[in-house]
């Protein structure tokens, strides 16, 4: 990656094409996978009432999400450009866990415990960037590309959790309904936001369809760690004992325009 960002390319000579674009625009997207550990979050779900397997499945699923990104660069020469990069990431999940419990029964009823949780995670990133490219064939159709950027990363986690004992009437209808006045009924809602300095770097391969249009695939990393979060419902700032890690790997497919 660092080699791509150095002016080493001059040893390869100049391109033969007369057209030398001054601007490069990339628009792409694909899958993303969060790299953070989830053991503490799983333990919190278990404390809330979920089974260990349900908590593990929940966080395994929420790690995988969708991302989109765009960047534009002014080409200083054939190989190196400076510009700005933006990326957006979103993932969400929901889970319900129910099971029978042993409680003093109310005549004619069985008792069940149910817990559900849902959560949406968003990360927006923007920052100045350096882009580099190197042609790898004689016809200047295929190129390797690289990008590095340091900028601003905004994080938002919006979620809710509910737990309650459910009474199942001993009737043919078998109707289920929550007892909202039951002392065991509880709802939590929270929205956390955070801001930090993020770093992103990636490398890829690109094919030029013509001198103005290309398609490409790249793998990139975004690193972002939050030591402080703000809960928006209470306007309370929280200093974290352990940084919130929302770092991720992205796999992107997209189009490139040159002009």
C-alpha atoms as a PDB file:
ATOM      1  CA  UNK A   1       0.000   0.000   0.000  1.00  0.00           C
ATOM      2  CA  UNK A   2       2.712   2.503   0.939  1.00  0.00           C
ATOM      3  CA  UNK A   3       4.540   1.755  -2.293  1.00  0.00           C
ATOM      4  CA  UNK A   4       1.494   2.827  -4.262  1.00  0.00           C
ATOM      5  CA  UNK A   5       1.525   6.182  -2.529  1.00  0.00           C
ATOM      6  CA  UNK A   6       5.145   6.980  -3.367  1.00  0.00           C
ATOM      7  CA  UNK A   7       6.377   8.623  -6.587  1.00  0.00           C
ATOM      8  CA  UNK A   8       8.141   5.403  -7.546  1.00  0.00           C
ATOM      9  CA  UNK A   9       5.957   5.113 -10.643  1.00  0.00           C
ATOM     10  CA  UNK A  10       8.167   7.439 -12.661  1.00  0.00           C
ATOM     11  CA  UNK A  11      10.475   4.536 -13.434  1.00  0.00           C
ATOM     12  CA  UNK A  12       7.721   3.041 -15.587  1.00  0.00           C
ATOM     13  CA  UNK A  13       7.664   5.974 -18.007  1.00  0.00           C
ATOM     14  CA  UNK A  14       4.694   7.912 -19.311  1.00  0.00           C
ATOM     15  CA  UNK A  15       1.437   6.623 -20.791  1.00  0.00           C
ATOM     16  CA  UNK A  16       1.182   6.488 -24.541  1.00  0.00           C
ATOM     17  CA  UNK A  17      -2.380   7.826 -24.676  1.00  0.00           C
ATOM     18  CA  UNK A  18      -2.681  11.523 -25.396  1.00  0.00           C
ATOM     19  CA  UNK A  19      -5.652  11.897 -23.054  1.00  0.00           C
ATOM     20  CA  UNK A  20      -4.437  12.644 -19.522  1.00  0.00           C
ATOM     21  CA  UNK A  21      -7.439  13.073 -17.190  1.00  0.00           C
ATOM     22  CA  UNK A  22      -7.236  15.696 -14.478  1.00  0.00           C
ATOM     23  CA  UNK A  23     -10.099  14.361 -12.345  1.00  0.00           C
ATOM     24  CA  UNK A  24     -11.062  10.881 -11.172  1.00  0.00           C
ATOM     25  CA  UNK A  25     -14.459  10.086  -9.620  1.00  0.00           C
ATOM     26  CA  UNK A  26     -15.262   6.803  -7.884  1.00  0.00           C
ATOM     27  CA  UNK A  27     -18.704   5.599  -6.777  1.00  0.00           C
ATOM     28  CA  UNK A  28     -18.888   2.107  -5.287  1.00  0.00           C
ATOM     29  CA  UNK A  29     -20.412  -0.068  -2.600  1.00  0.00           C
ATOM     30  CA  UNK A  30     -20.783  -3.559  -1.251  1.00  0.00           C
ATOM     31  CA  UNK A  31     -20.516  -5.630   1.915  1.00  0.00           C
ATOM     32  CA  UNK A  32     -18.769  -4.652   5.126  1.00  0.00           C
ATOM     33  CA  UNK A  33     -17.773  -6.656   8.191  1.00  0.00           C
ATOM     34  CA  UNK A  34     -17.210  -5.103  11.614  1.00  0.00           C
ATOM     35  CA  UNK A  35     -14.068  -6.267  13.405  1.00  0.00           C
ATOM     36  CA  UNK A  36     -14.984  -5.429  17.004  1.00  0.00           C
ATOM     37  CA  UNK A  37     -15.201  -8.046  19.738  1.00  0.00           C
ATOM     38  CA  UNK A  38     -18.706  -8.666  21.091  1.00  0.00           C
ATOM     39  CA  UNK A  39     -18.222 -10.716  24.285  1.00  0.00           C
ATOM     40  CA  UNK A  40     -19.177  -7.857  26.629  1.00  0.00           C
ATOM     41  CA  UNK A  41     -22.268  -7.045  24.539  1.00  0.00           C
ATOM     42  CA  UNK A  42     -23.276 -10.716  24.496  1.00  0.00           C
ATOM     43  CA  UNK A  43     -22.970 -10.863  28.287  1.00  0.00           C
ATOM     44  CA  UNK A  44     -25.249  -7.822  28.564  1.00  0.00           C
ATOM     45  CA  UNK A  45     -27.859  -9.567  26.411  1.00  0.00           C
ATOM     46  CA  UNK A  46     -27.651 -12.661  28.607  1.00  0.00           C
ATOM     47  CA  UNK A  47     -28.123 -10.504  31.712  1.00  0.00           C
ATOM     48  CA  UNK A  48     -31.199  -9.015  30.037  1.00  0.00           C
ATOM     49  CA  UNK A  49     -32.704 -12.481  29.637  1.00  0.00           C
ATOM     50  CA  UNK A  50     -31.497 -13.899  26.315  1.00  0.00           C
ATOM     51  CA  UNK A  51     -29.893 -17.296  26.015  1.00  0.00           C
ATOM     52  CA  UNK A  52     -26.144 -17.402  25.301  1.00  0.00           C
ATOM     53  CA  UNK A  53     -26.721 -18.860  21.822  1.00  0.00           C
ATOM     54  CA  UNK A  54     -29.288 -16.172  20.951  1.00  0.00           C
ATOM     55  CA  UNK A  55     -26.880 -13.412  22.027  1.00  0.00           C
ATOM     56  CA  UNK A  56     -24.036 -14.872  19.972  1.00  0.00           C
ATOM     57  CA  UNK A  57     -26.233 -15.225  16.871  1.00  0.00           C
ATOM     58  CA  UNK A  58     -27.463 -11.656  17.259  1.00  0.00           C
ATOM     59  CA  UNK A  59     -23.984 -10.109  17.243  1.00  0.00           C
ATOM     60  CA  UNK A  60     -22.630 -12.423  14.568  1.00  0.00           C
ATOM     61  CA  UNK A  61     -25.421 -11.194  12.286  1.00  0.00           C
ATOM     62  CA  UNK A  62     -25.106  -7.491  13.116  1.00  0.00           C
ATOM     63  CA  UNK A  63     -21.401  -7.436  12.246  1.00  0.00           C
ATOM     64  CA  UNK A  64     -22.269  -7.836   8.563  1.00  0.00           C
ATOM     65  CA  UNK A  65     -23.719  -4.765   6.860  1.00  0.00           C
ATOM     66  CA  UNK A  66     -23.795  -2.655   3.717  1.00  0.00           C
ATOM     67  CA  UNK A  67     -21.521   0.228   2.801  1.00  0.00           C
ATOM     68  CA  UNK A  68     -21.269   2.804   0.059  1.00  0.00           C
ATOM     69  CA  UNK A  69     -18.473   5.210  -0.706  1.00  0.00           C
ATOM     70  CA  UNK A  70     -17.443   7.951  -3.095  1.00  0.00           C
ATOM     71  CA  UNK A  71     -14.237   9.822  -3.673  1.00  0.00           C
ATOM     72  CA  UNK A  72     -12.970  12.437  -6.105  1.00  0.00           C
ATOM     73  CA  UNK A  73      -9.333  13.243  -6.789  1.00  0.00           C
ATOM     74  CA  UNK A  74      -7.389  15.793  -8.766  1.00  0.00           C
ATOM     75  CA  UNK A  75      -4.550  14.046 -10.568  1.00  0.00           C
ATOM     76  CA  UNK A  76      -1.221  15.764  -9.963  1.00  0.00           C
ATOM     77  CA  UNK A  77       0.355  13.502 -12.569  1.00  0.00           C
ATOM     78  CA  UNK A  78      -0.280  10.146 -14.205  1.00  0.00           C
ATOM     79  CA  UNK A  79       0.151   8.291 -10.940  1.00  0.00           C
ATOM     80  CA  UNK A  80      -0.818  10.461  -7.983  1.00  0.00           C
ATOM     81  CA  UNK A  81      -3.899  12.451  -6.980  1.00  0.00           C
ATOM     82  CA  UNK A  82      -5.249  14.360  -3.971  1.00  0.00           C
ATOM     83  CA  UNK A  83      -8.901  14.751  -3.047  1.00  0.00           C
ATOM     84  CA  UNK A  84     -11.639  13.804  -0.594  1.00  0.00           C
ATOM     85  CA  UNK A  85     -13.307  10.517   0.369  1.00  0.00           C
ATOM     86  CA  UNK A  86     -16.753   9.796   1.864  1.00  0.00           C
ATOM     87  CA  UNK A  87     -18.140   6.484   3.105  1.00  0.00           C
ATOM     88  CA  UNK A  88     -21.388   5.319   4.712  1.00  0.00           C
ATOM     89  CA  UNK A  89     -22.052   2.122   6.634  1.00  0.00           C
ATOM     90  CA  UNK A  90     -25.280   0.668   8.005  1.00  0.00           C
ATOM     91  CA  UNK A  91     -26.232  -2.554   9.731  1.00  0.00           C
ATOM     92  CA  UNK A  92     -29.234  -3.604  11.788  1.00  0.00           C
ATOM     93  CA  UNK A  93     -30.676  -6.641  13.529  1.00  0.00           C
ATOM     94  CA  UNK A  94     -33.508  -7.775  15.793  1.00  0.00           C
ATOM     95  CA  UNK A  95     -33.959 -10.812  17.998  1.00  0.00           C
ATOM     96  CA  UNK A  96     -36.672 -12.371  20.130  1.00  0.00           C
ATOM     97  CA  UNK A  97     -36.100 -15.101  22.686  1.00  0.00           C
ATOM     98  CA  UNK A  98     -38.925 -16.832  24.603  1.00  0.00           C
ATOM     99  CA  UNK A  99     -39.063 -19.789  26.952  1.00  0.00           C
ATOM    100  CA  UNK A 100     -41.094 -21.226  29.806  1.00  0.00           C
ATOM    101  CA  UNK A 101     -40.315 -20.258  33.387  1.00  0.00           C
ATOM    102  CA  UNK A 102     -41.136 -21.740  36.773  1.00  0.00           C
ATOM    103  CA  UNK A 103     -43.230 -19.221  38.683  1.00  0.00           C
ATOM    104  CA  UNK A 104     -46.146 -19.385  41.088  1.00  0.00           C
ATOM    105  CA  UNK A 105     -48.904 -19.867  38.541  1.00  0.00           C
ATOM    106  CA  UNK A 106     -52.113 -17.966  38.316  1.00  0.00           C
ATOM    107  CA  UNK A 107     -55.018 -20.370  38.114  1.00  0.00           C
ATOM    108  CA  UNK A 108     -55.606 -21.386  34.517  1.00  0.00           C
ATOM    109  CA  UNK A 109     -52.332 -19.920  33.165  1.00  0.00           C
ATOM    110  CA  UNK A 110     -48.865 -21.043  32.172  1.00  0.00           C
ATOM    111  CA  UNK A 111     -46.028 -18.508  32.344  1.00  0.00           C
ATOM    112  CA  UNK A 112     -43.434 -17.673  29.702  1.00  0.00           C
ATOM    113  CA  UNK A 113     -40.612 -15.142  29.573  1.00  0.00           C
ATOM    114  CA  UNK A 114     -39.951 -13.181  26.389  1.00  0.00           C
ATOM    115  CA  UNK A 115     -37.212 -10.724  25.529  1.00  0.00           C
ATOM    116  CA  UNK A 116     -36.604  -8.852  22.320  1.00  0.00           C
ATOM    117  CA  UNK A 117     -33.966  -6.438  21.120  1.00  0.00           C
ATOM    118  CA  UNK A 118     -33.403  -4.400  17.966  1.00  0.00           C
ATOM    119  CA  UNK A 119     -30.528  -2.191  16.968  1.00  0.00           C
ATOM    120  CA  UNK A 120     -29.327  -0.045  14.041  1.00  0.00           C
ATOM    121  CA  UNK A 121     -25.726   1.075  13.598  1.00  0.00           C
ATOM    122  CA  UNK A 122     -24.572   3.873  11.282  1.00  0.00           C
ATOM    123  CA  UNK A 123     -21.082   5.216  10.550  1.00  0.00           C
ATOM    124  CA  UNK A 124     -20.370   8.227   8.322  1.00  0.00           C
ATOM    125  CA  UNK A 125     -16.815   9.099   7.359  1.00  0.00           C
ATOM    126  CA  UNK A 126     -15.323  12.003   5.385  1.00  0.00           C
ATOM    127  CA  UNK A 127     -11.748  13.182   5.013  1.00  0.00           C
ATOM    128  CA  UNK A 128      -8.980  14.342   2.695  1.00  0.00           C
ATOM    129  CA  UNK A 129      -7.272  11.548   0.798  1.00  0.00           C
ATOM    130  CA  UNK A 130      -4.314  10.616  -1.393  1.00  0.00           C
ATOM    131  CA  UNK A 131      -4.851   8.308  -4.371  1.00  0.00           C
ATOM    132  CA  UNK A 132      -2.261   6.405  -6.411  1.00  0.00           C
ATOM    133  CA  UNK A 133      -2.429   4.177  -9.473  1.00  0.00           C
ATOM    134  CA  UNK A 134      -0.107   2.016 -11.569  1.00  0.00           C
ATOM    135  CA  UNK A 135      -0.840   0.395 -14.927  1.00  0.00           C
ATOM    136  CA  UNK A 136       0.055  -3.281 -15.031  1.00  0.00           C
ATOM    137  CA  UNK A 137      -0.354  -4.093 -18.744  1.00  0.00           C
ATOM    138  CA  UNK A 138       1.109  -2.763 -21.979  1.00  0.00           C
ATOM    139  CA  UNK A 139      -2.242  -1.519 -23.312  1.00  0.00           C
ATOM    140  CA  UNK A 140      -2.972   0.579 -20.206  1.00  0.00           C
ATOM    141  CA  UNK A 141      -6.291  -1.178 -19.588  1.00  0.00           C
ATOM    142  CA  UNK A 142      -5.575  -2.700 -16.171  1.00  0.00           C
ATOM    143  CA  UNK A 143      -4.279  -0.809 -13.176  1.00  0.00           C
ATOM    144  CA  UNK A 144      -3.630  -1.309  -9.489  1.00  0.00           C
ATOM    145  CA  UNK A 145      -4.964   1.420  -7.228  1.00  0.00           C
ATOM    146  CA  UNK A 146      -4.470   2.553  -3.650  1.00  0.00           C
ATOM    147  CA  UNK A 147      -5.944   5.178  -1.347  1.00  0.00           C
ATOM    148  CA  UNK A 148      -5.291   6.442   2.149  1.00  0.00           C
ATOM    149  CA  UNK A 149      -7.285   8.997   4.149  1.00  0.00           C
ATOM    150  CA  UNK A 150      -7.486  10.475   7.641  1.00  0.00           C
ATOM    151  CA  UNK A 151     -10.699  12.278   8.585  1.00  0.00           C
ATOM    152  CA  UNK A 152     -13.870  12.575  10.652  1.00  0.00           C
ATOM    153  CA  UNK A 153     -15.949   9.515  11.643  1.00  0.00           C
ATOM    154  CA  UNK A 154     -19.461   9.915  13.101  1.00  0.00           C
ATOM    155  CA  UNK A 155     -21.085   6.928  14.857  1.00  0.00           C
ATOM    156  CA  UNK A 156     -24.732   6.353  15.759  1.00  0.00           C
ATOM    157  CA  UNK A 157     -26.260   3.349  17.541  1.00  0.00           C
ATOM    158  CA  UNK A 158     -30.037   3.413  17.918  1.00  0.00           C
ATOM    159  CA  UNK A 159     -31.627   0.520  19.795  1.00  0.00           C
ATOM    160  CA  UNK A 160     -34.308  -0.744  22.130  1.00  0.00           C
ATOM    161  CA  UNK A 161     -34.865  -3.772  24.360  1.00  0.00           C
ATOM    162  CA  UNK A 162     -38.014  -5.202  25.955  1.00  0.00           C
ATOM    163  CA  UNK A 163     -38.675  -8.044  28.357  1.00  0.00           C
ATOM    164  CA  UNK A 164     -41.855  -9.300  29.954  1.00  0.00           C
ATOM    165  CA  UNK A 165     -43.595 -12.308  31.394  1.00  0.00           C
ATOM    166  CA  UNK A 166     -46.359 -13.542  29.112  1.00  0.00           C
ATOM    167  CA  UNK A 167     -49.428 -15.337  30.413  1.00  0.00           C
ATOM    168  CA  UNK A 168     -50.925 -17.949  28.154  1.00  0.00           C
ATOM    169  CA  UNK A 169     -54.614 -18.556  28.935  1.00  0.00           C
ATOM    170  CA  UNK A 170     -55.551 -22.185  29.227  1.00  0.00           C
ATOM    171  CA  UNK A 171     -58.207 -21.949  26.513  1.00  0.00           C
ATOM    172  CA  UNK A 172     -58.713 -23.452  23.076  1.00  0.00           C
ATOM    173  CA  UNK A 173     -57.795 -20.134  21.487  1.00  0.00           C
ATOM    174  CA  UNK A 174     -54.348 -20.111  23.078  1.00  0.00           C
ATOM    175  CA  UNK A 175     -54.232 -16.322  22.743  1.00  0.00           C
ATOM    176  CA  UNK A 176     -50.955 -14.651  23.770  1.00  0.00           C
ATOM    177  CA  UNK A 177     -50.880 -11.208  25.321  1.00  0.00           C
ATOM    178  CA  UNK A 178     -48.388  -9.219  27.403  1.00  0.00           C
ATOM    179  CA  UNK A 179     -49.311  -7.982  30.873  1.00  0.00           C
ATOM    180  CA  UNK A 180     -48.083  -4.404  30.561  1.00  0.00           C
ATOM    181  CA  UNK A 181     -48.816  -3.654  34.228  1.00  0.00           C
ATOM    182  CA  UNK A 182     -46.766  -6.646  35.375  1.00  0.00           C
ATOM    183  CA  UNK A 183     -43.762  -5.493  37.488  1.00  0.00           C
ATOM    184  CA  UNK A 184     -41.504  -7.633  35.301  1.00  0.00           C
ATOM    185  CA  UNK A 185     -42.429  -5.720  32.137  1.00  0.00           C
ATOM    186  CA  UNK A 186     -39.565  -3.408  31.145  1.00  0.00           C
ATOM    187  CA  UNK A 187     -38.611  -1.359  28.065  1.00  0.00           C
ATOM    188  CA  UNK A 188     -35.299   0.371  27.410  1.00  0.00           C
ATOM    189  CA  UNK A 189     -34.608   2.754  24.525  1.00  0.00           C
ATOM    190  CA  UNK A 190     -31.305   4.487  23.844  1.00  0.00           C
ATOM    191  CA  UNK A 191     -29.521   6.289  21.054  1.00  0.00           C
ATOM    192  CA  UNK A 192     -25.753   6.777  21.307  1.00  0.00           C
ATOM    193  CA  UNK A 193     -23.665   9.019  19.081  1.00  0.00           C
ATOM    194  CA  UNK A 194     -19.928   9.636  18.932  1.00  0.00           C
ATOM    195  CA  UNK A 195     -17.303  11.517  16.953  1.00  0.00           C
ATOM    196  CA  UNK A 196     -13.656  10.661  16.450  1.00  0.00           C
ATOM    197  CA  UNK A 197     -10.734  10.734  14.029  1.00  0.00           C
ATOM    198  CA  UNK A 198     -10.873   7.815  11.612  1.00  0.00           C
ATOM    199  CA  UNK A 199      -8.364   6.294   9.216  1.00  0.00           C
ATOM    200  CA  UNK A 200      -9.154   4.421   6.021  1.00  0.00           C
ATOM    201  CA  UNK A 201      -6.855   2.700   3.541  1.00  0.00           C
ATOM    202  CA  UNK A 202      -7.505   0.382   0.638  1.00  0.00           C
ATOM    203  CA  UNK A 203      -6.150  -1.260  -2.494  1.00  0.00           C
ATOM    204  CA  UNK A 204      -7.816  -2.584  -5.596  1.00  0.00           C
ATOM    205  CA  UNK A 205      -7.744  -3.423  -9.270  1.00  0.00           C
ATOM    206  CA  UNK A 206      -9.451  -1.547 -12.093  1.00  0.00           C
ATOM    207  CA  UNK A 207     -10.270  -2.158 -15.770  1.00  0.00           C
ATOM    208  CA  UNK A 208     -10.674   0.785 -18.166  1.00  0.00           C
ATOM    209  CA  UNK A 209     -13.599   0.317 -20.566  1.00  0.00           C
ATOM    210  CA  UNK A 210     -12.542   3.455 -22.411  1.00  0.00           C
ATOM    211  CA  UNK A 211     -10.541   6.582 -21.628  1.00  0.00           C
ATOM    212  CA  UNK A 212     -13.406   8.070 -19.588  1.00  0.00           C
ATOM    213  CA  UNK A 213     -14.937   5.043 -17.822  1.00  0.00           C
ATOM    214  CA  UNK A 214     -13.699   2.138 -15.736  1.00  0.00           C
ATOM    215  CA  UNK A 215     -14.926  -0.538 -13.341  1.00  0.00           C
ATOM    216  CA  UNK A 216     -13.074  -1.790 -10.315  1.00  0.00           C
ATOM    217  CA  UNK A 217     -12.979  -3.873  -7.168  1.00  0.00           C
ATOM    218  CA  UNK A 218     -11.190  -2.972  -3.947  1.00  0.00           C
ATOM    219  CA  UNK A 219     -10.713  -4.052  -0.346  1.00  0.00           C
ATOM    220  CA  UNK A 220     -10.389  -1.362   2.315  1.00  0.00           C
ATOM    221  CA  UNK A 221     -10.139  -0.915   6.066  1.00  0.00           C
ATOM    222  CA  UNK A 222     -11.696   1.796   8.208  1.00  0.00           C
ATOM    223  CA  UNK A 223     -10.457   2.237  11.766  1.00  0.00           C
ATOM    224  CA  UNK A 224     -12.512   4.225  14.298  1.00  0.00           C
ATOM    225  CA  UNK A 225     -12.429   4.011  18.112  1.00  0.00           C
ATOM    226  CA  UNK A 226     -14.665   5.997  20.466  1.00  0.00           C
ATOM    227  CA  UNK A 227     -13.650   6.792  24.043  1.00  0.00           C
ATOM    228  CA  UNK A 228     -16.755   8.881  24.734  1.00  0.00           C
ATOM    229  CA  UNK A 229     -20.391   8.580  23.618  1.00  0.00           C
ATOM    230  CA  UNK A 230     -23.440  10.774  24.096  1.00  0.00           C
ATOM    231  CA  UNK A 231     -26.892   9.351  24.876  1.00  0.00           C
ATOM    232  CA  UNK A 232     -29.264  11.631  22.968  1.00  0.00           C
ATOM    233  CA  UNK A 233     -32.434  10.908  24.961  1.00  0.00           C
ATOM    234  CA  UNK A 234     -30.859  12.134  28.201  1.00  0.00           C
ATOM    235  CA  UNK A 235     -28.178  14.355  26.650  1.00  0.00           C
ATOM    236  CA  UNK A 236     -25.665  12.580  28.891  1.00  0.00           C
ATOM    237  CA  UNK A 237     -22.022  12.081  27.901  1.00  0.00           C
ATOM    238  CA  UNK A 238     -20.491   8.756  28.876  1.00  0.00           C
ATOM    239  CA  UNK A 239     -16.760   8.103  29.297  1.00  0.00           C
ATOM    240  CA  UNK A 240     -16.146   4.485  28.315  1.00  0.00           C
ATOM    241  CA  UNK A 241     -13.826   2.196  30.257  1.00  0.00           C
ATOM    242  CA  UNK A 242     -13.141   0.351  27.004  1.00  0.00           C
ATOM    243  CA  UNK A 243     -13.192   2.146  23.651  1.00  0.00           C
ATOM    244  CA  UNK A 244     -16.109   1.396  21.343  1.00  0.00           C
ATOM    245  CA  UNK A 245     -14.538  -0.202  18.271  1.00  0.00           C
ATOM    246  CA  UNK A 246     -16.463   0.187  15.007  1.00  0.00           C
ATOM    247  CA  UNK A 247     -13.547  -0.686  12.713  1.00  0.00           C
ATOM    248  CA  UNK A 248     -14.467  -2.720   9.659  1.00  0.00           C
ATOM    249  CA  UNK A 249     -13.368  -4.303   6.378  1.00  0.00           C
ATOM    250  CA  UNK A 250     -15.133  -3.280   3.152  1.00  0.00           C
ATOM    251  CA  UNK A 251     -15.382  -5.143  -0.163  1.00  0.00           C
ATOM    252  CA  UNK A 252     -16.536  -2.773  -2.921  1.00  0.00           C
ATOM    253  CA  UNK A 253     -17.454  -2.930  -6.601  1.00  0.00           C
ATOM    254  CA  UNK A 254     -18.008   0.284  -8.510  1.00  0.00           C
ATOM    255  CA  UNK A 255     -17.523   2.601 -11.465  1.00  0.00           C
ATOM    256  CA  UNK A 256     -14.791   5.155 -12.109  1.00  0.00           C
ATOM    257  CA  UNK A 257     -15.119   8.234 -14.272  1.00  0.00           C
ATOM    258  CA  UNK A 258     -12.260  10.290 -15.717  1.00  0.00           C
ATOM    259  CA  UNK A 259     -12.546  13.797 -17.116  1.00  0.00           C
END
